[in-house]
Protein backbone atom coordinates (compact mmCIF):
# COMPACT_ATOMS: atom_id res chain seq x y z
CA MET A 1 -30.08 -101.58 95.30
CA LYS A 2 -28.87 -103.42 98.39
CA GLN A 3 -29.62 -100.70 100.92
CA LEU A 4 -32.89 -99.87 99.18
CA THR A 5 -33.97 -103.48 99.70
CA LEU A 6 -33.01 -103.19 103.35
CA PHE A 7 -35.11 -100.06 103.72
CA ILE A 8 -38.12 -101.68 102.05
CA THR A 9 -37.75 -104.77 104.22
CA PHE A 10 -37.74 -102.62 107.32
CA ILE A 11 -40.89 -100.78 106.27
CA SER A 12 -42.63 -104.10 105.59
CA LEU A 13 -41.69 -105.57 108.97
CA CYS A 14 -42.34 -102.43 110.99
CA PHE A 15 -45.39 -100.87 109.49
CA GLY A 16 -47.12 -103.28 107.11
CA GLY A 17 -50.82 -103.69 107.75
CA ASP A 18 -51.36 -101.79 111.00
CA LYS A 19 -52.63 -98.43 112.18
CA ILE A 20 -49.14 -96.97 111.95
CA ALA A 21 -49.13 -97.68 108.21
CA ASN A 22 -52.06 -95.29 107.82
CA LEU A 23 -50.12 -92.65 109.72
CA LEU A 24 -47.15 -93.03 107.37
CA GLN A 25 -49.17 -93.40 104.17
CA SER A 26 -49.10 -89.69 103.35
CA GLN A 27 -45.35 -89.65 103.97
CA ILE A 28 -44.74 -92.74 101.80
CA GLN A 29 -46.63 -91.08 98.94
CA LYS A 30 -43.92 -88.40 98.87
CA LEU A 31 -41.22 -90.98 98.12
CA PRO A 32 -40.03 -91.63 94.54
CA PRO A 33 -42.44 -93.78 92.44
CA GLU A 34 -40.00 -96.69 92.26
CA LEU A 35 -39.85 -96.84 96.07
CA GLN A 36 -43.62 -96.71 96.40
CA GLN A 37 -43.87 -99.59 93.93
CA GLN A 38 -41.40 -101.68 95.94
CA ILE A 39 -43.19 -100.96 99.23
CA SER A 40 -46.56 -101.96 97.72
CA LYS A 41 -45.39 -105.38 96.52
CA LYS A 42 -47.62 -108.34 97.27
CA PRO A 43 -46.98 -109.63 100.81
CA LEU A 44 -45.52 -113.02 101.64
CA SER A 45 -47.88 -115.90 100.83
CA TRP A 46 -47.58 -119.58 101.68
CA LYS A 47 -49.44 -120.43 98.45
CA ASN A 48 -46.70 -119.48 96.00
CA ILE A 49 -43.55 -121.02 97.50
CA PRO A 50 -42.51 -124.36 95.93
CA GLY A 51 -42.45 -127.25 98.38
CA ARG A 52 -39.93 -130.02 98.98
CA GLN A 53 -40.71 -133.71 99.01
CA LEU A 54 -41.55 -135.19 102.42
CA ASN A 55 -42.02 -138.72 103.71
CA ARG A 56 -45.73 -139.29 103.39
CA SER A 57 -48.26 -141.93 104.38
CA MET A 58 -50.46 -143.86 101.92
CA MET A 59 -54.00 -142.44 101.84
CA ASP A 60 -57.16 -142.68 99.73
CA PRO A 61 -57.80 -139.43 97.76
CA SER A 62 -61.57 -139.98 98.03
CA ASP A 63 -61.23 -139.28 101.75
CA LEU A 64 -60.70 -135.61 100.83
CA LEU A 65 -64.15 -135.13 99.28
CA GLY A 66 -66.42 -132.80 101.23
CA GLU A 67 -66.03 -129.61 103.23
CA TRP A 68 -63.13 -129.01 105.62
CA GLU A 69 -62.85 -126.17 108.14
CA TYR A 70 -59.61 -124.56 109.29
CA GLU A 71 -58.66 -125.32 112.90
CA ASP A 72 -54.99 -124.45 113.44
CA GLU A 73 -51.63 -123.97 111.74
CA GLU A 74 -47.95 -123.83 112.62
CA ALA A 75 -44.98 -122.52 110.64
CA THR A 76 -41.29 -122.49 111.52
CA MET A 77 -38.51 -120.87 109.51
CA TRP A 78 -35.02 -122.44 109.62
CA VAL A 79 -31.79 -120.82 108.42
CA THR A 80 -28.48 -122.66 108.02
CA VAL A 81 -25.13 -120.85 107.79
CA GLY A 82 -21.75 -122.17 106.67
CA THR A 83 -19.59 -120.54 109.37
CA ASP A 84 -19.81 -119.89 113.11
CA GLN A 85 -20.78 -116.27 113.77
CA THR A 86 -22.26 -113.81 116.24
CA VAL A 87 -25.22 -111.74 115.04
CA PRO A 88 -27.73 -109.29 116.55
CA ASN A 89 -30.56 -110.91 118.48
CA PHE A 90 -33.36 -111.22 115.91
CA MET A 91 -36.20 -110.83 118.39
CA GLN A 92 -34.65 -107.62 119.68
CA VAL A 93 -33.87 -106.33 116.17
CA ILE A 94 -37.55 -106.50 115.19
CA GLY A 95 -38.86 -105.21 118.50
CA MET A 96 -40.42 -108.38 119.85
CA GLU A 97 -38.16 -108.57 122.91
CA PRO A 98 -36.61 -105.77 125.02
CA ALA A 99 -33.23 -104.62 123.74
CA GLU A 100 -30.27 -103.57 125.90
CA GLY A 101 -30.48 -100.10 127.41
CA GLY A 102 -33.47 -97.91 126.68
CA ILE A 103 -34.70 -94.50 125.61
CA GLY A 104 -35.94 -92.67 128.68
CA ILE A 105 -39.02 -90.45 128.83
CA SER A 106 -39.18 -87.62 131.36
CA GLY A 107 -41.22 -84.49 131.93
CA SER A 108 -44.99 -84.92 131.99
CA ALA A 109 -44.45 -88.65 132.44
CA ALA A 110 -41.61 -91.02 133.28
CA ASP A 111 -41.05 -94.28 131.43
CA THR A 112 -38.56 -96.14 129.22
CA MET A 113 -38.89 -97.31 125.62
CA ASP A 114 -36.89 -100.55 125.53
CA TYR A 115 -38.26 -102.10 122.32
CA MET A 116 -36.64 -101.00 119.08
CA MET A 117 -36.30 -101.36 115.32
CA ALA A 118 -33.75 -99.31 113.41
CA VAL A 119 -31.83 -99.13 110.14
CA ALA A 120 -29.66 -96.51 108.47
CA GLU A 121 -27.45 -96.70 105.39
CA SER A 122 -26.30 -94.69 102.41
CA TYR A 123 -27.57 -95.54 98.97
CA TYR A 124 -26.30 -94.06 95.73
CA GLY A 125 -28.86 -91.68 94.24
CA TYR A 126 -30.96 -91.56 97.40
CA GLY A 127 -28.46 -90.44 100.03
CA GLU A 128 -28.85 -91.66 103.58
CA ILE A 129 -31.87 -93.77 104.39
CA ALA A 130 -32.81 -94.05 108.05
CA MET A 131 -35.74 -95.33 110.05
CA VAL A 132 -36.32 -95.86 113.77
CA GLN A 133 -39.26 -97.16 115.76
CA LEU A 134 -39.24 -97.28 119.57
CA SER A 135 -41.84 -98.21 122.18
CA ASN A 136 -42.34 -99.38 125.74
CA ASN A 137 -44.36 -102.32 124.33
CA PRO A 138 -43.41 -105.08 121.91
CA LEU A 139 -43.56 -103.84 118.34
CA MET A 140 -46.12 -106.45 117.29
CA MET A 141 -48.69 -105.03 114.91
CA ASP A 142 -51.76 -106.56 116.56
CA TYR A 143 -51.14 -104.45 119.64
CA TYR A 144 -51.63 -101.25 117.69
CA TYR A 145 -54.23 -102.27 115.14
CA TYR A 146 -56.49 -103.91 117.70
CA TYR A 147 -55.55 -102.00 120.82
CA ASP A 148 -59.21 -101.19 121.54
CA ASP A 149 -59.39 -104.79 122.78
CA PHE A 150 -56.97 -103.92 125.62
CA PRO A 151 -54.55 -106.87 125.51
CA GLU A 152 -53.69 -107.98 129.03
CA ASP A 153 -49.96 -107.60 128.46
CA LEU A 154 -50.20 -104.11 126.94
CA GLU A 155 -48.42 -101.57 129.15
CA LEU A 156 -50.30 -98.30 129.51
CA PRO A 157 -49.68 -95.51 128.85
CA MET A 158 -48.19 -96.75 125.59
CA TYR A 159 -45.42 -94.66 124.07
CA MET A 160 -44.13 -94.88 120.52
CA PHE A 161 -41.49 -92.87 118.69
CA MET A 162 -41.14 -93.08 114.89
CA TYR A 163 -38.49 -91.50 112.70
CA MET A 164 -37.85 -91.68 108.96
CA SER A 165 -35.25 -89.80 106.92
CA MET A 166 -34.60 -90.02 103.18
CA MET A 167 -33.40 -87.71 100.39
CA GLY A 168 -33.33 -84.74 102.75
CA TYR A 169 -36.89 -85.35 103.89
CA THR A 170 -37.48 -86.10 107.57
CA PHE A 171 -40.60 -87.28 109.36
CA ALA A 172 -40.80 -87.89 113.10
CA ASP A 173 -43.72 -88.53 115.40
CA PHE A 174 -44.20 -89.28 119.10
CA MET A 175 -47.40 -91.00 120.19
CA VAL A 176 -48.92 -91.46 123.64
CA ALA A 177 -51.94 -93.77 124.05
CA ASP A 178 -53.96 -94.41 127.20
CA THR A 179 -57.49 -95.14 128.37
CA ALA A 180 -60.05 -92.46 129.19
CA GLY A 181 -63.57 -93.40 130.22
CA GLY A 182 -63.04 -96.95 129.07
CA GLU A 183 -61.91 -95.87 125.60
CA MET A 184 -58.42 -95.75 124.13
CA VAL A 185 -57.24 -92.22 123.40
CA ASP A 186 -54.05 -91.38 121.54
CA TYR A 187 -52.09 -88.14 121.18
CA TYR A 188 -49.61 -87.41 118.38
CA TYR A 189 -46.73 -84.97 118.52
CA GLU A 190 -45.04 -84.12 115.22
CA ILE A 191 -41.33 -83.33 115.47
CA GLU A 192 -39.63 -81.16 112.87
CA ASN A 193 -35.95 -81.36 113.82
CA ALA A 194 -35.61 -84.90 115.20
CA GLY A 195 -32.66 -85.66 112.93
CA ASP A 196 -30.50 -83.22 114.90
CA PHE A 197 -30.87 -85.37 118.02
CA ILE A 198 -30.62 -88.93 116.64
CA THR A 199 -27.53 -91.03 115.88
CA ILE A 200 -27.74 -94.55 114.41
CA ASP A 201 -24.75 -96.92 114.44
CA THR A 202 -25.26 -99.10 111.36
CA THR A 203 -22.85 -101.79 112.57
CA LEU A 204 -24.20 -102.33 116.08
CA MET A 205 -27.71 -101.09 115.19
CA ARG A 206 -27.40 -98.77 118.17
CA VAL A 207 -29.69 -95.74 118.52
CA ASP A 208 -28.72 -92.68 120.58
CA ILE A 209 -31.12 -89.80 121.24
CA ALA A 210 -29.80 -86.65 122.92
CA ALA A 211 -32.46 -84.78 124.95
CA LEU A 212 -35.13 -84.43 122.27
CA THR A 213 -38.07 -82.40 123.63
CA VAL A 214 -41.67 -82.54 122.36
CA ALA A 215 -44.66 -80.53 123.58
CA ASN A 216 -48.29 -79.91 122.74
CA ASP A 217 -49.47 -76.63 121.24
CA ALA A 218 -50.50 -75.25 124.61
CA GLY A 219 -47.12 -76.07 126.11
CA ASP A 220 -48.65 -77.65 129.22
CA THR A 221 -47.53 -81.18 128.27
CA THR A 222 -43.84 -81.73 127.62
CA TYR A 223 -41.75 -84.86 127.15
CA THR A 224 -37.97 -85.18 126.94
CA ILE A 225 -36.67 -88.26 125.14
CA SER A 226 -33.06 -89.34 125.62
CA GLY A 227 -30.87 -92.41 126.05
CA SER A 228 -29.22 -95.27 124.16
CA ILE A 229 -30.58 -98.62 123.02
CA VAL A 230 -28.93 -101.50 121.14
CA PRO A 231 -29.93 -105.12 120.41
CA GLY A 232 -28.02 -107.93 122.12
CA THR A 233 -26.26 -110.71 120.23
CA MET A 234 -26.64 -114.45 119.66
CA ASP A 235 -24.27 -117.16 118.41
CA LEU A 236 -24.92 -119.24 115.28
CA VAL A 237 -23.23 -122.59 114.68
CA ALA A 238 -22.15 -123.68 111.19
CA ASP A 239 -24.28 -126.35 109.48
CA THR A 240 -26.80 -126.32 112.33
CA PRO A 241 -30.26 -124.95 111.39
CA PHE A 242 -31.54 -122.28 113.74
CA GLU A 243 -35.07 -120.96 114.06
CA MET A 244 -36.00 -117.50 112.85
CA PRO A 245 -38.65 -116.59 115.44
CA PHE A 246 -41.08 -114.69 113.24
CA PHE A 247 -43.22 -115.08 110.12
CA ASP A 248 -44.76 -118.02 111.96
CA GLU A 249 -48.14 -116.46 112.74
CA ASP A 250 -48.84 -114.83 109.36
CA PHE A 251 -47.55 -117.43 106.93
CA GLY A 252 -50.65 -119.60 106.41
CA PRO A 253 -54.31 -118.73 105.73
CA ASP A 254 -54.98 -117.81 109.40
CA PRO A 255 -58.59 -116.48 109.27
CA ASP A 256 -59.73 -113.71 111.58
CA GLU A 257 -60.20 -114.60 115.24
CA ASP A 258 -64.00 -114.62 114.85
CA GLY A 259 -63.99 -115.89 111.26
CA THR A 260 -63.75 -119.23 109.50
CA MET A 261 -61.97 -120.63 106.46
CA THR A 262 -63.23 -123.72 104.65
CA TRP A 263 -62.14 -125.75 101.65
CA GLN A 264 -64.73 -127.56 99.56
CA PHE A 265 -63.47 -130.45 97.42
CA PHE A 266 -65.79 -131.79 94.69
CA GLU A 267 -65.34 -135.08 92.90
CA ASP A 268 -64.73 -133.39 89.52
CA GLY A 269 -61.54 -131.70 90.77
CA THR A 270 -63.13 -128.29 91.41
CA GLY A 271 -63.85 -126.61 94.70
CA TYR A 272 -63.97 -123.42 96.71
CA GLU A 273 -61.96 -121.62 99.36
CA ILE A 274 -64.39 -119.68 101.55
CA PHE A 275 -63.57 -117.08 104.20
CA SER A 276 -66.51 -116.02 106.40
CA GLY A 277 -66.81 -113.73 109.38
CA PHE A 278 -67.91 -110.30 110.47
CA ASP A 279 -66.40 -106.85 110.78
CA ASP A 280 -67.53 -104.22 113.26
CA TYR A 281 -64.78 -101.62 112.74
CA TYR A 282 -67.05 -99.35 110.64
CA GLY A 283 -70.31 -100.88 111.80
CA TYR A 284 -71.28 -104.54 112.02
CA TYR A 285 -71.58 -106.53 108.81
CA GLU A 286 -71.09 -110.15 107.87
CA TYR A 287 -69.02 -111.20 104.88
CA THR A 288 -68.28 -114.27 102.80
CA ASP A 289 -65.31 -114.25 100.43
CA THR A 290 -65.35 -117.18 98.00
CA SER A 291 -62.58 -118.14 95.57
CA GLU A 292 -62.53 -120.97 93.06
CA ILE A 293 -59.92 -123.71 93.35
CA GLU A 294 -58.83 -126.72 91.34
CA TRP A 295 -57.39 -129.76 93.08
CA SER A 296 -55.93 -133.18 92.45
CA ALA A 297 -54.58 -135.79 94.84
CA THR A 298 -52.57 -138.98 94.96
CA ASP A 299 -52.34 -141.40 97.86
CA ASP A 300 -49.81 -139.14 99.59
CA SER A 301 -50.21 -135.51 98.44
CA ILE A 302 -52.76 -132.93 97.35
CA SER A 303 -52.13 -130.14 94.84
CA ILE A 304 -54.37 -127.06 94.87
CA ILE A 305 -54.59 -124.19 92.38
CA PHE A 306 -56.13 -121.02 93.84
CA HIS A 307 -57.84 -118.52 91.53
CA GLY A 308 -58.68 -115.02 92.70
CA TYR A 309 -57.97 -111.34 92.48
CA ASP A 310 -56.08 -108.80 94.56
CA ASP A 311 -56.40 -105.05 94.92
CA TYR A 312 -53.29 -104.65 97.07
CA TYR A 313 -52.61 -100.91 97.56
CA GLY A 314 -55.20 -100.08 94.91
CA TYR A 315 -53.72 -102.22 92.12
CA TYR A 316 -56.33 -104.70 90.83
CA TYR A 317 -55.19 -107.89 89.16
CA GLU A 318 -56.22 -111.53 88.82
CA TYR A 319 -53.82 -114.22 89.94
CA SER A 320 -53.38 -117.96 90.21
CA ASP A 321 -51.31 -119.57 92.97
CA SER A 322 -50.61 -123.24 93.59
CA ILE A 323 -49.36 -125.41 96.41
CA THR A 324 -48.66 -129.11 97.02
CA LEU A 325 -49.02 -130.55 100.53
CA ALA A 326 -48.67 -133.93 102.17
CA TYR A 327 -51.94 -134.99 103.78
CA GLU A 328 -53.36 -137.50 106.22
CA VAL A 329 -57.00 -138.09 107.15
CA ALA A 330 -57.84 -139.61 110.53
CA ASP A 331 -60.90 -139.33 112.78
CA ASP A 332 -62.52 -136.57 110.67
CA MET A 333 -59.35 -134.48 110.84
CA LEU A 334 -57.26 -133.48 107.82
CA SER A 335 -53.56 -132.90 108.58
CA LEU A 336 -51.57 -131.02 105.92
CA SER A 337 -47.82 -130.40 105.91
CA ALA A 338 -44.93 -129.32 103.71
CA GLU A 339 -41.35 -128.11 103.83
CA PHE A 340 -40.88 -125.04 101.62
CA ASP A 341 -37.69 -123.76 100.06
CA PHE A 342 -38.10 -120.13 101.07
CA CYS A 343 -35.62 -118.83 98.49
CA GLU A 344 -36.60 -120.99 95.52
CA ASP A 345 -35.97 -119.07 92.28
CA GLU A 346 -39.61 -119.19 91.21
CA TYR A 347 -40.62 -117.30 94.33
CA TYR A 348 -38.06 -114.91 95.67
CA TYR A 349 -37.48 -113.01 92.41
CA TYR A 350 -41.01 -111.74 92.87
CA TYR A 351 -40.46 -110.54 96.41
CA TYR A 352 -36.82 -109.42 96.55
CA ASP A 353 -33.91 -109.30 94.14
CA ASP A 354 -31.82 -111.67 96.25
CA CYS A 355 -33.39 -113.65 99.07
CA TYR A 356 -30.22 -114.60 100.95
CA GLU A 357 -28.84 -111.10 100.55
CA MET A 358 -31.99 -109.62 102.05
CA PHE A 359 -31.63 -111.77 105.17
CA GLU A 360 -27.92 -111.02 105.44
CA MET A 361 -28.47 -107.26 105.31
CA GLN A 362 -31.52 -107.14 107.55
CA PHE A 363 -30.21 -109.40 110.31
CA GLY A 364 -26.43 -109.24 109.99
CA ILE A 365 -26.15 -112.92 108.97
CA THR A 366 -23.41 -114.03 106.57
CA ASP A 367 -22.68 -117.16 104.53
CA ILE A 368 -26.30 -118.38 104.41
CA GLN A 369 -26.57 -121.88 102.98
CA ASP A 370 -30.27 -122.63 103.21
CA ILE A 371 -33.61 -121.12 104.30
CA THR A 372 -36.60 -123.42 104.74
CA MET A 373 -40.09 -123.18 106.19
CA ASP A 374 -41.86 -126.11 107.89
CA PHE A 375 -45.62 -125.68 107.64
CA SER A 376 -48.52 -127.73 109.01
CA MET A 377 -52.27 -127.14 109.19
CA GLU A 378 -55.23 -128.95 110.77
CA MET A 379 -58.77 -128.95 109.34
CA SER A 380 -61.94 -130.62 110.62
CA TYR A 381 -64.56 -132.38 108.49
CA ASN A 382 -67.88 -130.52 108.13
CA GLY A 383 -69.67 -133.05 105.93
CA PRO A 384 -70.25 -134.16 102.33
CA LEU A 385 -71.12 -131.89 99.40
CA ALA A 386 -73.71 -132.31 96.68
CA ILE A 387 -72.17 -133.49 93.42
CA ALA A 388 -73.04 -131.43 90.36
CA GLY A 389 -75.60 -133.27 88.22
CA GLU A 390 -76.81 -135.61 90.97
CA ILE A 391 -79.68 -133.39 92.14
CA GLU A 392 -82.09 -132.54 89.34
CA LEU A 393 -84.03 -129.29 89.45
CA GLN A 394 -87.74 -129.34 88.76
CA PRO A 395 -88.93 -127.20 85.81
CA ASP A 396 -90.18 -124.44 88.11
CA GLU A 397 -87.07 -124.43 90.36
CA PHE A 398 -83.84 -122.44 90.21
CA ARG A 399 -80.71 -121.90 92.27
CA LEU A 400 -78.77 -118.65 92.77
CA TYR A 401 -75.30 -119.04 94.30
CA ASN A 402 -73.18 -116.63 96.32
CA ALA A 403 -71.41 -113.93 94.32
CA TYR A 404 -67.85 -114.82 93.29
CA PRO A 405 -65.30 -113.84 94.53
CA ASN A 406 -67.58 -111.71 96.78
CA PRO A 407 -70.16 -108.93 96.35
CA PHE A 408 -67.66 -106.21 97.33
CA ASN A 409 -65.19 -106.91 94.52
CA PRO A 410 -64.91 -104.55 91.53
CA THR A 411 -65.94 -107.49 89.31
CA THR A 412 -68.47 -110.02 90.63
CA THR A 413 -69.75 -113.21 89.00
CA LEU A 414 -73.26 -114.54 89.68
CA LYS A 415 -73.81 -118.28 89.15
CA TYR A 416 -77.29 -119.76 88.76
CA GLU A 417 -79.04 -122.98 87.68
CA MET A 418 -82.49 -123.37 86.12
CA GLY A 419 -84.77 -126.38 85.94
CA SER A 420 -85.88 -125.49 82.40
CA ALA A 421 -84.73 -123.27 79.55
CA GLY A 422 -86.14 -119.75 79.37
CA PRO A 423 -85.35 -116.04 79.67
CA VAL A 424 -83.40 -114.94 82.76
CA PHE A 425 -83.73 -111.61 84.57
CA ILE A 426 -81.49 -110.85 87.58
CA ASP A 427 -81.69 -107.57 89.50
CA VAL A 428 -78.66 -106.52 91.56
CA PHE A 429 -78.95 -104.25 94.61
CA ASN A 430 -76.27 -102.61 96.76
CA VAL A 431 -76.14 -102.75 100.58
CA SER A 432 -78.41 -99.67 100.75
CA GLY A 433 -81.13 -101.42 98.80
CA ARG A 434 -80.63 -99.35 95.64
CA LYS A 435 -80.94 -101.22 92.37
CA ILE A 436 -77.65 -100.95 90.49
CA ARG A 437 -78.29 -103.38 87.62
């Protein structure tokens, strides 16, 4: 199971959530069911990792009442080892910094792919498992999922090479993306025999490609890919925490760039978590996603229980997550913080079979003693909320609230209030205006 975990980890880091995942989806569906189930596990969430006690200031819980809007967050992962050691450079291993060497591109264009991610091992029952991803740009998912926005630091043309081999099945693809008439255009070249040209050193994580040639159907565009690339190394000191330079941007709630996230805290210990924004990928539409929460607070900490549902990879289920954070209110700003034990038993069994072992295999670290995550978040005060029961409805009045969790869920709850008892009729329409209930 060790190497299988490594393989799944690599897929999650390399391809989770971006346009490349859609490209590989048909290939992943050909894998054994148990592998597909592992790959589709719920992603990392800051809400379900137990926190450690921190030094906290004395506050008044009533200061939390009202609506608070997300402003910013910061997360830092720290790993402590018990012995001095030299390991591969993490940023280069996951393709966020240039590695040493490079895979050259010649023929119809000349360039070098100097960002890499690679893994290859043998696993009993599955044979050799191998995966490689190379590019001339950092392998950060936002570049490829949102590349229509033309990030200033995106090098064009963009080249990407992907290779996956398992149980005798091989998939390889070479992609070229560039602008044409102000629009991004990409070209894909499928490669049938890439495994004959690729060698992966599992100790050094070195990738060698020997003159692999790809061409379009017409034969008028040809690329030859060859060279060697390997991550550099870094030194770790025993009993001295060092920062793992990733997971920091995607750990907290982090709403979309043009969206908002608010928490509403009512006096009776109930509330809402509300995500709002718009999406113009398939045509412009606005959305509001509302989830119920329960909360309680002392003079130094707030505990929140989140209720919702998830349809991750097509599997629908309801869930309940909880978190406890230190808080401080000053000048209409709410500061929240916590130190999480990343490998607490209650959490990591859900995500991987052995948390420390996963890190050791993926990054070449040994003798891990501790993995923690420091998290902080800032929220601004939007104003007070009406308290249930304080505002009486007149006999001829009613209130209809937003659908919960949101109108696009498979199951939606409609909440309403009436000023007097009587029969209730509610018609429900879809976005096309057709009555559905």
